[in-house]
C-alpha atoms as a PDB file:
ATOM      1  CA  MET A   1      24.782   9.010 -12.950  1.00  0.00           C
ATOM      2  CA  GLY A   2      26.955   7.801 -15.482  1.00  0.00           C
ATOM      3  CA  TYR A   3      30.735   6.521 -14.882  1.00  0.00           C
ATOM      4  CA  TYR A   4      32.126   9.729 -16.588  1.00  0.00           C
ATOM      5  CA  MET A   5      29.893  11.872 -15.004  1.00  0.00           C
ATOM      6  CA  LYS A   6      31.036  10.965 -11.823  1.00  0.00           C
ATOM      7  CA  LYS A   7      34.604  11.351 -12.714  1.00  0.00           C
ATOM      8  CA  LEU A   8      33.794  14.418 -14.076  1.00  0.00           C
ATOM      9  CA  ASN A   9      32.019  15.899 -10.937  1.00  0.00           C
ATOM     10  CA  SER A  10      35.117  14.612  -8.776  1.00  0.00           C
ATOM     11  CA  LEU A  11      37.484  16.499 -10.721  1.00  0.00           C
ATOM     12  CA  VAL A  12      35.284  19.363 -10.531  1.00  0.00           C
ATOM     13  CA  LEU A  13      35.190  19.215  -6.891  1.00  0.00           C
ATOM     14  CA  ILE A  14      38.607  18.653  -6.211  1.00  0.00           C
ATOM     15  CA  GLY A  15      39.513  21.657  -8.482  1.00  0.00           C
ATOM     16  CA  VAL A  16      37.476  23.999  -6.120  1.00  0.00           C
ATOM     17  CA  VAL A  17      39.081  22.994  -3.092  1.00  0.00           C
ATOM     18  CA  LEU A  18      42.493  23.761  -4.600  1.00  0.00           C
ATOM     19  CA  VAL A  19      41.322  27.172  -5.944  1.00  0.00           C
ATOM     20  CA  GLY A  20      39.498  27.871  -2.157  1.00  0.00           C
ATOM     21  CA  LEU A  21      43.176  26.741  -0.868  1.00  0.00           C
ATOM     22  CA  THR A  22      44.950  29.384  -2.743  1.00  0.00           C
ATOM     23  CA  ALA A  23      43.447  32.005   0.068  1.00  0.00           C
ATOM     24  CA  CYS A  24      45.823  30.482   2.649  1.00  0.00           C
ATOM     25  CA  ASP A  25      48.228  33.198   1.909  1.00  0.00           C
ATOM     26  CA  SER A  26      46.809  35.321   4.468  1.00  0.00           C
ATOM     27  CA  MET A  27      46.004  32.982   7.475  1.00  0.00           C
ATOM     28  CA  SER A  28      48.497  32.353  10.061  1.00  0.00           C
ATOM     29  CA  PRO A  29      50.409  28.520  10.398  1.00  0.00           C
ATOM     30  CA  ASP A  30      47.782  27.120  12.404  1.00  0.00           C
ATOM     31  CA  GLN A  31      44.884  28.124  10.397  1.00  0.00           C
ATOM     32  CA  ARG A  32      47.074  26.774   7.348  1.00  0.00           C
ATOM     33  CA  ARG A  33      47.391  23.401   8.374  1.00  0.00           C
ATOM     34  CA  VAL A  34      43.677  22.970   9.334  1.00  0.00           C
ATOM     35  CA  ALA A  35      42.375  24.177   5.725  1.00  0.00           C
ATOM     36  CA  GLY A  36      45.066  22.178   4.574  1.00  0.00           C
ATOM     37  CA  GLY A  37      43.760  18.906   6.528  1.00  0.00           C
ATOM     38  CA  LEU A  38      40.205  19.654   5.659  1.00  0.00           C
ATOM     39  CA  GLY A  39      40.922  19.727   2.047  1.00  0.00           C
ATOM     40  CA  GLY A  40      43.005  17.072   2.156  1.00  0.00           C
ATOM     41  CA  ALA A  41      40.449  15.268   3.607  1.00  0.00           C
ATOM     42  CA  ALA A  42      37.845  16.058   1.026  1.00  0.00           C
ATOM     43  CA  VAL A  43      39.810  15.160  -1.703  1.00  0.00           C
ATOM     44  CA  GLY A  44      41.616  11.774  -0.119  1.00  0.00           C
ATOM     45  CA  GLY A  45      37.926  10.867   0.708  1.00  0.00           C
ATOM     46  CA  ILE A  46      36.878  11.426  -2.969  1.00  0.00           C
ATOM     47  CA  VAL A  47      39.651   9.749  -4.473  1.00  0.00           C
ATOM     48  CA  GLY A  48      39.064   6.901  -2.233  1.00  0.00           C
ATOM     49  CA  ASN A  49      35.389   6.588  -2.878  1.00  0.00           C
ATOM     50  CA  GLN A  50      36.520   6.313  -6.534  1.00  0.00           C
ATOM     51  CA  ILE A  51      38.929   3.759  -6.152  1.00  0.00           C
ATOM     52  CA  GLY A  52      36.567   1.618  -3.979  1.00  0.00           C
ATOM     53  CA  ARG A  53      34.135  -0.816  -4.809  1.00  0.00           C
ATOM     54  CA  GLY A  54      31.198  -3.118  -3.145  1.00  0.00           C
ATOM     55  CA  ALA A  55      31.701  -3.047   0.201  1.00  0.00           C
ATOM     56  CA  GLY A  56      35.386  -1.572   0.195  1.00  0.00           C
ATOM     57  CA  ARG A  57      33.831   1.500  -0.720  1.00  0.00           C
ATOM     58  CA  THR A  58      33.296   2.667   2.387  1.00  0.00           C
ATOM     59  CA  VAL A  59      36.712   1.550   3.953  1.00  0.00           C
ATOM     60  CA  ALA A  60      38.572   2.988   0.843  1.00  0.00           C
ATOM     61  CA  THR A  61      36.649   6.284   1.459  1.00  0.00           C
ATOM     62  CA  ILE A  62      37.479   6.727   5.155  1.00  0.00           C
ATOM     63  CA  ALA A  63      41.237   5.507   4.663  1.00  0.00           C
ATOM     64  CA  GLY A  64      41.164   8.317   1.856  1.00  0.00           C
ATOM     65  CA  ALA A  65      39.999  10.693   3.808  1.00  0.00           C
ATOM     66  CA  GLY A  66      42.393  10.038   6.315  1.00  0.00           C
ATOM     67  CA  ILE A  67      45.818   9.935   4.528  1.00  0.00           C
ATOM     68  CA  GLY A  68      44.452  13.114   2.488  1.00  0.00           C
ATOM     69  CA  ALA A  69      43.619  15.056   6.397  1.00  0.00           C
ATOM     70  CA  VAL A  70      47.293  14.001   7.661  1.00  0.00           C
ATOM     71  CA  ALA A  71      48.871  14.842   3.974  1.00  0.00           C
ATOM     72  CA  GLY A  72      47.056  18.059   3.401  1.00  0.00           C
ATOM     73  CA  SER A  73      47.783  19.647   7.078  1.00  0.00           C
ATOM     74  CA  GLN A  74      51.844  18.644   6.421  1.00  0.00           C
ATOM     75  CA  ILE A  75      52.031  20.216   3.281  1.00  0.00           C
ATOM     76  CA  ALA A  76      49.766  23.118   4.111  1.00  0.00           C
ATOM     77  CA  GLY A  77      52.011  23.999   7.172  1.00  0.00           C
ATOM     78  CA  SER A  78      55.279  23.210   5.547  1.00  0.00           C
ATOM     79  CA  SER A  79      54.372  25.657   2.714  1.00  0.00           C
ATOM     80  CA  GLY A  80      54.325  29.029   4.736  1.00  0.00           C
ATOM     81  CA  ASN A  81      58.372  29.414   5.503  1.00  0.00           C
ATOM     82  CA  ARG A  82      59.182  31.850   3.359  1.00  0.00           C
ATOM     83  CA  TYR A  83      62.299  33.388   5.521  1.00  0.00           C
END
């Protein structure tokens, strides 16, 4: 698969994950944190995989997934405060 096709596939997957997270409005705060963590891990892993090269690709994917999971969980947990 070519370079640009990989980038396009990554962008489409990120878009699907973000659209899926919009359904979080009816979830409890704990469910939102889990969904945000999973979505963040997916997006972070994709970004890390795109950034890493050679032997560092695996490390970059794992680091991106970990950072994305923490960030997604924190963002999703704070987005439900409407009072």
